[in-house]
Every structure is written in C-alpha cells, then in structure tokens.
PDB file of N, CA and C in Angstrom:
ATOM      1  N   UNK A   1       0.995  -1.024   0.356  1.00  0.00           N
ATOM      2  CA  UNK A   1       0.178  -0.262   0.026  1.00  0.00           C
ATOM      3  C   UNK A   1       0.992   1.161  -0.257  1.00  0.00           C
ATOM      4  N   UNK A   2       0.317   2.238  -1.194  1.00  0.00           N
ATOM      5  CA  UNK A   2       1.540   3.659  -0.746  1.00  0.00           C
ATOM      6  C   UNK A   2       1.272   4.302   0.608  1.00  0.00           C
ATOM      7  N   UNK A   3       2.206   4.798   0.783  1.00  0.00           N
ATOM      8  CA  UNK A   3       2.100   5.461   1.913  1.00  0.00           C
ATOM      9  C   UNK A   3       1.276   6.770   1.901  1.00  0.00           C
ATOM     10  N   UNK A   4       1.206   7.165   0.756  1.00  0.00           N
ATOM     11  CA  UNK A   4       0.137   8.458   0.502  1.00  0.00           C
ATOM     12  C   UNK A   4      -1.470   8.286   0.814  1.00  0.00           C
ATOM     13  N   UNK A   5      -1.473   6.794   0.757  1.00  0.00           N
ATOM     14  CA  UNK A   5      -2.771   6.650   0.811  1.00  0.00           C
ATOM     15  C   UNK A   5      -3.272   6.338   2.393  1.00  0.00           C
ATOM     16  N   UNK A   6      -2.170   5.712   3.004  1.00  0.00           N
ATOM     17  CA  UNK A   6      -2.138   5.331   4.241  1.00  0.00           C
ATOM     18  C   UNK A   6      -2.223   6.615   5.133  1.00  0.00           C
ATOM     19  N   UNK A   7      -1.254   8.065   4.739  1.00  0.00           N
ATOM     20  CA  UNK A   7      -1.101   8.569   5.640  1.00  0.00           C
ATOM     21  C   UNK A   7      -3.148   9.746   5.455  1.00  0.00           C
ATOM     22  N   UNK A   8      -3.251   9.610   4.238  1.00  0.00           N
ATOM     23  CA  UNK A   8      -4.704   9.773   3.971  1.00  0.00           C
ATOM     24  C   UNK A   8      -5.978   9.252   4.241  1.00  0.00           C
ATOM     25  N   UNK A   9      -6.024   7.789   4.716  1.00  0.00           N
ATOM     26  CA  UNK A   9      -6.648   7.313   5.207  1.00  0.00           C
ATOM     27  C   UNK A   9      -6.676   7.822   7.234  1.00  0.00           C
ATOM     28  N   UNK A  10      -5.513   7.609   7.325  1.00  0.00           N
ATOM     29  CA  UNK A  10      -5.500   8.016   9.001  1.00  0.00           C
ATOM     30  C   UNK A  10      -6.125   9.343   8.777  1.00  0.00           C
ATOM     31  N   UNK A  11      -6.151  10.299   8.188  1.00  0.00           N
ATOM     32  CA  UNK A  11      -6.501  11.646   8.561  1.00  0.00           C
ATOM     33  C   UNK A  11      -7.870  11.844   8.647  1.00  0.00           C
ATOM     34  N   UNK A  12      -9.037  10.783   7.365  1.00  0.00           N
ATOM     35  CA  UNK A  12      -9.653  10.608   7.174  1.00  0.00           C
ATOM     36  C   UNK A  12     -10.472  10.262   8.691  1.00  0.00           C
ATOM     37  N   UNK A  13      -9.630   9.086   8.617  1.00  0.00           N
ATOM     38  CA  UNK A  13      -9.800   8.751  10.204  1.00  0.00           C
ATOM     39  C   UNK A  13     -10.119   9.461  11.380  1.00  0.00           C
ATOM     40  N   UNK A  14      -9.181  10.236  11.786  1.00  0.00           N
ATOM     41  CA  UNK A  14      -8.880  11.413  12.273  1.00  0.00           C
ATOM     42  C   UNK A  14     -10.303  12.081  12.362  1.00  0.00           C
ATOM     43  N   UNK A  15     -10.945  12.233  11.153  1.00  0.00           N
ATOM     44  CA  UNK A  15     -11.999  13.129  11.085  1.00  0.00           C
ATOM     45  C   UNK A  15     -13.225  12.746  11.432  1.00  0.00           C
ATOM     46  N   UNK A  16     -13.224  11.342  10.847  1.00  0.00           N
ATOM     47  CA  UNK A  16     -14.489  10.483  11.463  1.00  0.00           C
ATOM     48  C   UNK A  16     -14.229  10.766  13.137  1.00  0.00           C
ATOM     49  N   UNK A  17     -13.454  10.464  13.267  1.00  0.00           N
ATOM     50  CA  UNK A  17     -13.231  10.318  14.677  1.00  0.00           C
ATOM     51  C   UNK A  17     -13.464  11.521  15.907  1.00  0.00           C
ATOM     52  N   UNK A  18     -13.406  12.894  15.008  1.00  0.00           N
ATOM     53  CA  UNK A  18     -13.015  14.073  15.375  1.00  0.00           C
ATOM     54  C   UNK A  18     -15.067  14.232  15.421  1.00  0.00           C
ATOM     55  N   UNK A  19     -15.815  14.027  14.533  1.00  0.00           N
ATOM     56  CA  UNK A  19     -17.119  13.964  14.503  1.00  0.00           C
ATOM     57  C   UNK A  19     -17.538  13.351  15.208  1.00  0.00           C
ATOM     58  N   UNK A  20     -16.951  12.375  15.826  1.00  0.00           N
ATOM     59  CA  UNK A  20     -18.087  11.323  16.671  1.00  0.00           C
ATOM     60  C   UNK A  20     -17.328  12.018  18.085  1.00  0.00           C
ATOM     61  N   UNK A  21     -16.493  13.059  18.479  1.00  0.00           N
ATOM     62  CA  UNK A  21     -16.437  13.630  19.182  1.00  0.00           C
ATOM     63  C   UNK A  21     -17.423  14.802  19.815  1.00  0.00           C
ATOM     64  N   UNK A  22     -17.545  15.624  18.493  1.00  0.00           N
ATOM     65  CA  UNK A  22     -18.373  16.507  18.408  1.00  0.00           C
ATOM     66  C   UNK A  22     -19.847  15.514  18.794  1.00  0.00           C
ATOM     67  N   UNK A  23     -20.139  14.655  18.297  1.00  0.00           N
ATOM     68  CA  UNK A  23     -21.527  14.092  18.863  1.00  0.00           C
ATOM     69  C   UNK A  23     -21.817  13.548  20.065  1.00  0.00           C
ATOM     70  N   UNK A  24     -20.566  12.862  20.261  1.00  0.00           N
ATOM     71  CA  UNK A  24     -20.757  12.903  21.831  1.00  0.00           C
ATOM     72  C   UNK A  24     -20.945  14.315  22.988  1.00  0.00           C
ATOM     73  N   UNK A  25     -20.339  15.157  22.543  1.00  0.00           N
ATOM     74  CA  UNK A  25     -20.699  16.331  23.031  1.00  0.00           C
ATOM     75  C   UNK A  25     -21.612  16.878  23.172  1.00  0.00           C
ATOM     76  N   UNK A  26     -22.479  16.447  21.844  1.00  0.00           N
ATOM     77  CA  UNK A  26     -23.779  16.958  21.530  1.00  0.00           C
ATOM     78  C   UNK A  26     -25.057  15.625  22.591  1.00  0.00           C
ATOM     79  N   UNK A  27     -24.226  14.594  22.473  1.00  0.00           N
ATOM     80  CA  UNK A  27     -24.876  13.665  23.405  1.00  0.00           C
ATOM     81  C   UNK A  27     -25.127  14.137  24.835  1.00  0.00           C
ATOM     82  N   UNK A  28     -24.102  14.580  25.503  1.00  0.00           N
ATOM     83  CA  UNK A  28     -23.722  14.836  26.806  1.00  0.00           C
ATOM     84  C   UNK A  28     -24.881  15.876  27.086  1.00  0.00           C
ATOM     85  N   UNK A  29     -25.427  16.559  26.228  1.00  0.00           N
ATOM     86  CA  UNK A  29     -26.394  17.350  26.751  1.00  0.00           C
ATOM     87  C   UNK A  29     -27.447  17.150  27.543  1.00  0.00           C
ATOM     88  N   UNK A  30     -28.053  15.832  26.880  1.00  0.00           N
ATOM     89  CA  UNK A  30     -29.007  15.168  27.990  1.00  0.00           C
ATOM     90  C   UNK A  30     -28.799  13.558  27.917  1.00  0.00           C
ATOM     91  N   UNK A  31     -27.586  13.565  28.062  1.00  0.00           N
ATOM     92  CA  UNK A  31     -27.005  12.636  28.552  1.00  0.00           C
ATOM     93  C   UNK A  31     -27.496  11.715  30.668  1.00  0.00           C
ATOM     94  N   UNK A  32     -28.038  10.667  30.467  1.00  0.00           N
ATOM     95  CA  UNK A  32     -29.280  10.189  31.524  1.00  0.00           C
ATOM     96  C   UNK A  32     -28.277   8.880  31.691  1.00  0.00           C
ATOM     97  N   UNK A  33     -28.156   8.299  32.752  1.00  0.00           N
ATOM     98  CA  UNK A  33     -28.028   7.062  33.270  1.00  0.00           C
ATOM     99  C   UNK A  33     -28.879   5.974  33.142  1.00  0.00           C
ATOM    100  N   UNK A  34     -29.711   5.848  32.870  1.00  0.00           N
ATOM    101  CA  UNK A  34     -30.784   5.193  32.380  1.00  0.00           C
ATOM    102  C   UNK A  34     -31.143   4.369  31.048  1.00  0.00           C
ATOM    103  N   UNK A  35     -31.057   3.204  30.718  1.00  0.00           N
ATOM    104  CA  UNK A  35     -30.596   2.276  29.898  1.00  0.00           C
ATOM    105  C   UNK A  35     -31.652   2.863  28.474  1.00  0.00           C
ATOM    106  N   UNK A  36     -32.905   3.306  28.899  1.00  0.00           N
ATOM    107  CA  UNK A  36     -33.551   3.342  27.562  1.00  0.00           C
ATOM    108  C   UNK A  36     -33.335   5.006  26.821  1.00  0.00           C
ATOM    109  N   UNK A  37     -33.009   5.967  27.812  1.00  0.00           N
ATOM    110  CA  UNK A  37     -32.416   7.814  27.363  1.00  0.00           C
ATOM    111  C   UNK A  37     -30.443   7.196  26.903  1.00  0.00           C
ATOM    112  N   UNK A  38     -29.796   6.189  27.102  1.00  0.00           N
ATOM    113  CA  UNK A  38     -29.129   5.513  26.209  1.00  0.00           C
ATOM    114  C   UNK A  38     -29.302   5.181  25.091  1.00  0.00           C
ATOM    115  N   UNK A  39     -30.130   4.021  24.830  1.00  0.00           N
ATOM    116  CA  UNK A  39     -30.304   4.080  23.810  1.00  0.00           C
ATOM    117  C   UNK A  39     -31.007   4.973  22.151  1.00  0.00           C
ATOM    118  N   UNK A  40     -32.018   5.879  23.342  1.00  0.00           N
ATOM    119  CA  UNK A  40     -32.583   6.909  22.136  1.00  0.00           C
ATOM    120  C   UNK A  40     -31.752   7.811  21.912  1.00  0.00           C
ATOM    121  N   UNK A  41     -30.541   7.923  22.901  1.00  0.00           N
ATOM    122  CA  UNK A  41     -29.841   9.372  22.537  1.00  0.00           C
ATOM    123  C   UNK A  41     -29.258   9.260  20.847  1.00  0.00           C
ATOM    124  N   UNK A  42     -29.796   9.804  20.137  1.00  0.00           N
ATOM    125  CA  UNK A  42     -28.877   9.734  18.447  1.00  0.00           C
ATOM    126  C   UNK A  42     -27.682  10.198  18.885  1.00  0.00           C
ATOM    127  N   UNK A  43     -27.546  10.753  19.214  1.00  0.00           N
ATOM    128  CA  UNK A  43     -26.063  11.681  19.138  1.00  0.00           C
ATOM    129  C   UNK A  43     -25.496  10.558  19.756  1.00  0.00           C
ATOM    130  N   UNK A  44     -25.550  10.153  21.108  1.00  0.00           N
ATOM    131  CA  UNK A  44     -24.754   8.772  21.042  1.00  0.00           C
ATOM    132  C   UNK A  44     -24.606   8.152  19.839  1.00  0.00           C
ATOM    133  N   UNK A  45     -25.394   7.246  19.713  1.00  0.00           N
ATOM    134  CA  UNK A  45     -25.483   6.050  18.643  1.00  0.00           C
ATOM    135  C   UNK A  45     -24.745   6.912  17.517  1.00  0.00           C
ATOM    136  N   UNK A  46     -24.759   8.475  17.233  1.00  0.00           N
ATOM    137  CA  UNK A  46     -23.663   8.452  15.905  1.00  0.00           C
ATOM    138  C   UNK A  46     -22.344   8.489  16.457  1.00  0.00           C
ATOM    139  N   UNK A  47     -22.167   8.940  17.528  1.00  0.00           N
ATOM    140  CA  UNK A  47     -20.787   9.389  18.008  1.00  0.00           C
ATOM    141  C   UNK A  47     -20.061   7.881  18.123  1.00  0.00           C
ATOM    142  N   UNK A  48     -21.051   7.067  18.514  1.00  0.00           N
ATOM    143  CA  UNK A  48     -20.354   5.622  18.765  1.00  0.00           C
ATOM    144  C   UNK A  48     -20.364   5.390  17.480  1.00  0.00           C
ATOM    145  N   UNK A  49     -20.850   5.186  16.422  1.00  0.00           N
ATOM    146  CA  UNK A  49     -21.042   4.567  14.768  1.00  0.00           C
ATOM    147  C   UNK A  49     -19.324   5.297  14.251  1.00  0.00           C
ATOM    148  N   UNK A  50     -19.375   6.724  14.494  1.00  0.00           N
ATOM    149  CA  UNK A  50     -18.076   7.311  14.077  1.00  0.00           C
ATOM    150  C   UNK A  50     -16.865   7.065  14.536  1.00  0.00           C
ATOM    151  N   UNK A  51     -16.947   6.561  16.118  1.00  0.00           N
ATOM    152  CA  UNK A  51     -15.923   6.431  16.895  1.00  0.00           C
ATOM    153  C   UNK A  51     -15.582   5.213  16.687  1.00  0.00           C
ATOM    154  N   UNK A  52     -16.689   4.176  16.545  1.00  0.00           N
ATOM    155  CA  UNK A  52     -16.249   3.087  15.861  1.00  0.00           C
ATOM    156  C   UNK A  52     -15.613   2.567  14.522  1.00  0.00           C
ATOM    157  N   UNK A  53     -16.343   3.604  13.615  1.00  0.00           N
ATOM    158  CA  UNK A  53     -15.451   3.045  12.631  1.00  0.00           C
ATOM    159  C   UNK A  53     -13.787   3.999  11.955  1.00  0.00           C
ATOM    160  N   UNK A  54     -13.753   5.130  13.261  1.00  0.00           N
ATOM    161  CA  UNK A  54     -12.072   5.487  12.919  1.00  0.00           C
ATOM    162  C   UNK A  54     -11.502   4.186  14.007  1.00  0.00           C
ATOM    163  N   UNK A  55     -11.704   3.976  14.480  1.00  0.00           N
ATOM    164  CA  UNK A  55     -11.197   3.006  15.312  1.00  0.00           C
ATOM    165  C   UNK A  55     -10.689   1.658  14.346  1.00  0.00           C
ATOM    166  N   UNK A  56     -11.611   1.075  13.725  1.00  0.00           N
ATOM    167  CA  UNK A  56     -11.527  -0.052  12.948  1.00  0.00           C
ATOM    168  C   UNK A  56     -10.876   0.324  11.987  1.00  0.00           C
ATOM    169  N   UNK A  57     -10.937   1.706  11.244  1.00  0.00           N
ATOM    170  CA  UNK A  57      -9.559   1.947   9.981  1.00  0.00           C
ATOM    171  C   UNK A  57      -8.244   2.450  11.092  1.00  0.00           C
ATOM    172  N   UNK A  58      -8.556   2.754  12.040  1.00  0.00           N
ATOM    173  CA  UNK A  58      -7.012   3.243  12.851  1.00  0.00           C
ATOM    174  C   UNK A  58      -6.127   1.350  12.547  1.00  0.00           C
ATOM    175  N   UNK A  59      -7.210   0.680  13.270  1.00  0.00           N
ATOM    176  CA  UNK A  59      -6.634  -0.656  13.488  1.00  0.00           C
ATOM    177  C   UNK A  59      -5.835  -1.362  11.700  1.00  0.00           C
ATOM    178  N   UNK A  60      -6.857  -1.268  10.737  1.00  0.00           N
ATOM    179  CA  UNK A  60      -6.665  -1.778   9.636  1.00  0.00           C
ATOM    180  C   UNK A  60      -5.345  -0.969   8.904  1.00  0.00           C
ATOM    181  N   UNK A  61      -5.628   0.736   9.004  1.00  0.00           N
ATOM    182  CA  UNK A  61      -4.268   0.765   9.136  1.00  0.00           C
ATOM    183  C   UNK A  61      -2.985   0.787   9.786  1.00  0.00           C
ATOM    184  N   UNK A  62      -3.088   0.154  10.515  1.00  0.00           N
ATOM    185  CA  UNK A  62      -1.540   0.085  11.317  1.00  0.00           C
ATOM    186  C   UNK A  62      -1.504  -1.076  10.966  1.00  0.00           C
ATOM    187  N   UNK A  63      -2.370  -2.023  10.461  1.00  0.00           N
ATOM    188  CA  UNK A  63      -1.798  -3.074  10.121  1.00  0.00           C
ATOM    189  C   UNK A  63      -0.963  -3.285   8.437  1.00  0.00           C
ATOM    190  N   UNK A  64      -0.461  -2.096   8.299  1.00  0.00           N
ATOM    191  CA  UNK A  64      -0.122  -1.577   6.526  1.00  0.00           C
ATOM    192  C   UNK A  64       0.903  -0.628   7.320  1.00  0.00           C
ATOM    193  N   UNK A  65       1.102   0.285   8.365  1.00  0.00           N
ATOM    194  CA  UNK A  65       1.943   1.131   8.684  1.00  0.00           C
ATOM    195  C   UNK A  65       2.467   1.290   9.564  1.00  0.00           C
ATOM    196  N   UNK A  66       3.363   1.903  10.276  1.00  0.00           N
ATOM    197  CA  UNK A  66       4.335   2.064  11.655  1.00  0.00           C
ATOM    198  C   UNK A  66       3.776   2.803  12.045  1.00  0.00           C
ATOM    199  N   UNK A  67       3.077   2.459  13.696  1.00  0.00           N
ATOM    200  CA  UNK A  67       2.587   2.796  14.598  1.00  0.00           C
ATOM    201  C   UNK A  67       3.340   3.600  14.737  1.00  0.00           C
ATOM    202  N   UNK A  68       4.804   4.011  14.773  1.00  0.00           N
ATOM    203  CA  UNK A  68       5.441   5.471  15.509  1.00  0.00           C
ATOM    204  C   UNK A  68       4.987   6.729  14.258  1.00  0.00           C
ATOM    205  N   UNK A  69       4.618   6.097  12.884  1.00  0.00           N
ATOM    206  CA  UNK A  69       4.597   7.252  12.341  1.00  0.00           C
ATOM    207  C   UNK A  69       3.169   7.811  11.927  1.00  0.00           C
ATOM    208  N   UNK A  70       2.385   6.622  11.920  1.00  0.00           N
ATOM    209  CA  UNK A  70       1.159   6.809  11.673  1.00  0.00           C
ATOM    210  C   UNK A  70       0.462   7.373  13.392  1.00  0.00           C
ATOM    211  N   UNK A  71       0.751   7.333  14.379  1.00  0.00           N
ATOM    212  CA  UNK A  71      -0.191   7.963  15.160  1.00  0.00           C
ATOM    213  C   UNK A  71       0.215   9.355  15.420  1.00  0.00           C
ATOM    214  N   UNK A  72       0.904   9.973  15.182  1.00  0.00           N
ATOM    215  CA  UNK A  72       1.124  11.257  15.548  1.00  0.00           C
ATOM    216  C   UNK A  72       0.285  12.032  14.365  1.00  0.00           C
ATOM    217  N   UNK A  73       0.050  11.589  13.023  1.00  0.00           N
ATOM    218  CA  UNK A  73      -1.280  11.570  12.360  1.00  0.00           C
ATOM    219  C   UNK A  73      -3.146  11.815  12.953  1.00  0.00           C
ATOM    220  N   UNK A  74      -2.617  10.492  13.601  1.00  0.00           N
ATOM    221  CA  UNK A  74      -3.790  11.272  14.378  1.00  0.00           C
ATOM    222  C   UNK A  74      -4.369  12.359  15.285  1.00  0.00           C
ATOM    223  N   UNK A  75      -3.275  12.781  15.536  1.00  0.00           N
ATOM    224  CA  UNK A  75      -3.623  14.328  16.642  1.00  0.00           C
ATOM    225  C   UNK A  75      -3.979  15.317  15.274  1.00  0.00           C
ATOM    226  N   UNK A  76      -4.024  14.825  13.982  1.00  0.00           N
ATOM    227  CA  UNK A  76      -4.867  16.162  13.217  1.00  0.00           C
ATOM    228  C   UNK A  76      -6.545  15.757  13.660  1.00  0.00           C
ATOM    229  N   UNK A  77      -6.522  14.535  14.373  1.00  0.00           N
ATOM    230  CA  UNK A  77      -7.914  15.090  14.904  1.00  0.00           C
ATOM    231  C   UNK A  77      -8.234  15.873  16.139  1.00  0.00           C
ATOM    232  N   UNK A  78      -7.477  16.283  16.839  1.00  0.00           N
ATOM    233  CA  UNK A  78      -7.766  17.966  17.532  1.00  0.00           C
ATOM    234  C   UNK A  78      -7.821  19.233  16.411  1.00  0.00           C
ATOM    235  N   UNK A  79      -6.926  18.892  15.481  1.00  0.00           N
ATOM    236  CA  UNK A  79      -6.877  20.568  14.706  1.00  0.00           C
ATOM    237  C   UNK A  79      -8.697  20.105  13.816  1.00  0.00           C
ATOM    238  N   UNK A  80      -9.716  19.118  13.990  1.00  0.00           N
ATOM    239  CA  UNK A  80     -10.678  19.644  13.241  1.00  0.00           C
ATOM    240  C   UNK A  80     -11.808  19.056  14.424  1.00  0.00           C
ATOM    241  N   UNK A  81     -11.181  18.718  15.398  1.00  0.00           N
ATOM    242  CA  UNK A  81     -12.014  18.960  17.113  1.00  0.00           C
ATOM    243  C   UNK A  81     -12.748  20.443  17.056  1.00  0.00           C
ATOM    244  N   UNK A  82     -11.062  21.348  17.062  1.00  0.00           N
ATOM    245  CA  UNK A  82     -11.106  22.548  17.433  1.00  0.00           C
ATOM    246  C   UNK A  82     -12.138  23.963  16.157  1.00  0.00           C
ATOM    247  N   UNK A  83     -12.262  22.966  14.727  1.00  0.00           N
ATOM    248  CA  UNK A  83     -12.672  23.230  13.884  1.00  0.00           C
ATOM    249  C   UNK A  83     -14.167  23.304  14.057  1.00  0.00           C
ATOM    250  N   UNK A  84     -14.661  21.962  14.201  1.00  0.00           N
ATOM    251  CA  UNK A  84     -16.306  21.715  14.246  1.00  0.00           C
ATOM    252  C   UNK A  84     -16.418  22.399  15.917  1.00  0.00           C
ATOM    253  N   UNK A  85     -15.705  21.989  16.595  1.00  0.00           N
ATOM    254  CA  UNK A  85     -16.493  23.364  18.255  1.00  0.00           C
ATOM    255  C   UNK A  85     -16.377  24.518  17.587  1.00  0.00           C
ATOM    256  N   UNK A  86     -15.504  25.156  17.501  1.00  0.00           N
ATOM    257  CA  UNK A  86     -15.979  26.632  16.590  1.00  0.00           C
ATOM    258  C   UNK A  86     -17.472  26.676  16.236  1.00  0.00           C
ATOM    259  N   UNK A  87     -16.955  26.218  14.939  1.00  0.00           N
ATOM    260  CA  UNK A  87     -18.191  26.105  13.835  1.00  0.00           C
ATOM    261  C   UNK A  87     -19.836  25.537  14.443  1.00  0.00           C
ATOM    262  N   UNK A  88     -19.782  24.437  14.973  1.00  0.00           N
ATOM    263  CA  UNK A  88     -21.140  23.424  15.499  1.00  0.00           C
ATOM    264  C   UNK A  88     -21.134  24.158  16.722  1.00  0.00           C
ATOM    265  N   UNK A  89     -20.552  23.877  17.952  1.00  0.00           N
ATOM    266  CA  UNK A  89     -21.248  24.413  19.254  1.00  0.00           C
ATOM    267  C   UNK A  89     -21.086  25.287  19.529  1.00  0.00           C
ATOM    268  N   UNK A  90     -20.593  26.654  19.085  1.00  0.00           N
ATOM    269  CA  UNK A  90     -20.368  27.649  19.033  1.00  0.00           C
ATOM    270  C   UNK A  90     -19.295  28.184  20.146  1.00  0.00           C
ATOM    271  N   UNK A  91     -18.252  27.296  20.537  1.00  0.00           N
ATOM    272  CA  UNK A  91     -17.112  27.892  21.120  1.00  0.00           C
ATOM    273  C   UNK A  91     -16.176  28.620  20.784  1.00  0.00           C
ATOM    274  N   UNK A  92     -15.563  29.565  21.550  1.00  0.00           N
ATOM    275  CA  UNK A  92     -14.620  30.493  21.070  1.00  0.00           C
ATOM    276  C   UNK A  92     -12.991  29.836  20.344  1.00  0.00           C
ATOM    277  N   UNK A  93     -12.649  30.634  19.283  1.00  0.00           N
ATOM    278  CA  UNK A  93     -11.624  30.697  18.729  1.00  0.00           C
ATOM    279  C   UNK A  93     -10.482  31.820  19.417  1.00  0.00           C
ATOM    280  N   UNK A  94      -9.653  30.978  20.115  1.00  0.00           N
ATOM    281  CA  UNK A  94      -8.790  32.449  20.257  1.00  0.00           C
ATOM    282  C   UNK A  94      -7.077  32.298  20.135  1.00  0.00           C
ATOM    283  N   UNK A  95      -6.171  33.052  20.313  1.00  0.00           N
ATOM    284  CA  UNK A  95      -5.104  32.803  19.871  1.00  0.00           C
ATOM    285  C   UNK A  95      -4.255  32.042  19.946  1.00  0.00           C
ATOM    286  N   UNK A  96      -4.698  31.403  21.463  1.00  0.00           N
ATOM    287  CA  UNK A  96      -3.680  30.485  21.996  1.00  0.00           C
ATOM    288  C   UNK A  96      -4.062  29.016  21.399  1.00  0.00           C
ATOM    289  N   UNK A  97      -6.111  28.871  20.944  1.00  0.00           N
ATOM    290  CA  UNK A  97      -6.065  27.494  20.189  1.00  0.00           C
ATOM    291  C   UNK A  97      -5.260  27.750  18.635  1.00  0.00           C
ATOM    292  N   UNK A  98      -5.051  28.737  18.276  1.00  0.00           N
ATOM    293  CA  UNK A  98      -5.131  28.994  16.893  1.00  0.00           C
ATOM    294  C   UNK A  98      -3.435  28.455  16.736  1.00  0.00           C
ATOM    295  N   UNK A  99      -2.614  29.068  17.595  1.00  0.00           N
ATOM    296  CA  UNK A  99      -0.900  28.908  17.610  1.00  0.00           C
ATOM    297  C   UNK A  99      -0.885  27.137  18.127  1.00  0.00           C
ATOM    298  N   UNK A 100      -2.259  26.813  19.178  1.00  0.00           N
ATOM    299  CA  UNK A 100      -1.828  25.409  19.694  1.00  0.00           C
ATOM    300  C   UNK A 100      -1.603  24.851  18.054  1.00  0.00           C
ATOM    301  N   UNK A 101      -3.042  25.277  17.673  1.00  0.00           N
ATOM    302  CA  UNK A 101      -3.183  24.228  16.618  1.00  0.00           C
ATOM    303  C   UNK A 101      -1.788  24.125  15.879  1.00  0.00           C
ATOM    304  N   UNK A 102      -1.468  25.322  15.501  1.00  0.00           N
ATOM    305  CA  UNK A 102      -0.230  24.967  14.260  1.00  0.00           C
ATOM    306  C   UNK A 102       1.100  24.621  14.780  1.00  0.00           C
ATOM    307  N   UNK A 103       0.950  24.904  15.915  1.00  0.00           N
ATOM    308  CA  UNK A 103       2.685  23.725  16.633  1.00  0.00           C
ATOM    309  C   UNK A 103       1.367  22.405  16.253  1.00  0.00           C
ATOM    310  N   UNK A 104       0.292  21.805  16.953  1.00  0.00           N
ATOM    311  CA  UNK A 104       0.417  20.571  16.392  1.00  0.00           C
ATOM    312  C   UNK A 104       0.339  20.189  14.778  1.00  0.00           C
ATOM    313  N   UNK A 105       0.128  21.241  13.913  1.00  0.00           N
ATOM    314  CA  UNK A 105       0.591  20.723  12.107  1.00  0.00           C
ATOM    315  C   UNK A 105       2.266  20.530  11.961  1.00  0.00           C
ATOM    316  N   UNK A 106       2.837  21.499  12.723  1.00  0.00           N
ATOM    317  CA  UNK A 106       4.490  21.402  12.777  1.00  0.00           C
ATOM    318  C   UNK A 106       4.789  20.460  13.269  1.00  0.00           C
ATOM    319  N   UNK A 107       4.350  20.007  14.266  1.00  0.00           N
ATOM    320  CA  UNK A 107       4.751  18.353  14.834  1.00  0.00           C
ATOM    321  C   UNK A 107       4.357  17.245  14.420  1.00  0.00           C
ATOM    322  N   UNK A 108       3.328  17.220  13.966  1.00  0.00           N
ATOM    323  CA  UNK A 108       3.119  16.428  12.747  1.00  0.00           C
ATOM    324  C   UNK A 108       3.690  16.280  11.669  1.00  0.00           C
ATOM    325  N   UNK A 109       4.399  17.286  11.143  1.00  0.00           N
ATOM    326  CA  UNK A 109       5.083  17.303   9.924  1.00  0.00           C
ATOM    327  C   UNK A 109       6.537  16.946  10.557  1.00  0.00           C
ATOM    328  N   UNK A 110       6.877  17.339  11.203  1.00  0.00           N
ATOM    329  CA  UNK A 110       8.311  16.984  11.780  1.00  0.00           C
ATOM    330  C   UNK A 110       8.781  15.793  11.692  1.00  0.00           C
ATOM    331  N   UNK A 111       7.632  14.813  12.746  1.00  0.00           N
ATOM    332  CA  UNK A 111       7.911  13.722  12.926  1.00  0.00           C
ATOM    333  C   UNK A 111       7.342  12.945  11.687  1.00  0.00           C
ATOM    334  N   UNK A 112       6.658  12.926  10.534  1.00  0.00           N
ATOM    335  CA  UNK A 112       6.392  12.340   9.587  1.00  0.00           C
ATOM    336  C   UNK A 112       7.513  13.156   8.342  1.00  0.00           C
ATOM    337  N   UNK A 113       8.070  13.579   8.186  1.00  0.00           N
ATOM    338  CA  UNK A 113       9.209  13.753   7.212  1.00  0.00           C
ATOM    339  C   UNK A 113      10.101  13.013   7.062  1.00  0.00           C
ATOM    340  N   UNK A 114      10.322  12.350   6.382  1.00  0.00           N
ATOM    341  CA  UNK A 114      10.682  11.031   5.986  1.00  0.00           C
ATOM    342  C   UNK A 114      11.944  11.552   5.186  1.00  0.00           C
TER     343      UNK A 114
END
C-alpha cells in the first residue's frame, strides 16, 4: 500500500473520530444514566458509529504501516475538533488555540518528514 494512501486514510479516520467527539458532546447535553435514555440518544449512537469506524480504520491502517509514523497523524483530530467545536458548538476561537493548532501541524509534519 502506498504511503500517501495510508496517510490520507489516517487523516480521514481522524476526521471521523472528530465527528464522533462532536456527537458525544451533543449527546452529553441530554445524557441520563438509564438504559432507555442511552439507547434513544441519537447523538450518542451517531458518535459511537463514527468513533467505531475511526477505530476500525486505525487498526486496519496499523496493519500496513508503522505505529510511530501513523499515530502522530491521529493528532490531526485535534485540528478537526477545534474547527468543528467553533463552527458547530459555538465555542470560542482565540489566539492560544490557533497557535497550539499550528504547533500540532508543525509537530506532526516534523515527525512524519521522511
């Protein structure tokens, strides 16, 4: 498997995992610890599906690549969560978050520069 497809796959799975995190946040707004509430919370179900698919994708990708190279790419999920939180949850965007995100991008690029 070509490296570029593997890297793009991991970034796609990080994207899916990020959608799962946003869904979990939405699910938490009406979360109650009883069985009926849990199985009827569609945000929770959606989050589990996205997160589950992302996890399966990570495992499949690890079969074809090195953990020390692929795992840092999963950090791109932080970038997606920052953007999605701002866009869909109305969370604030500030200079510290932007600088931190740029730091993540540079770090992942540095680790994966071969």
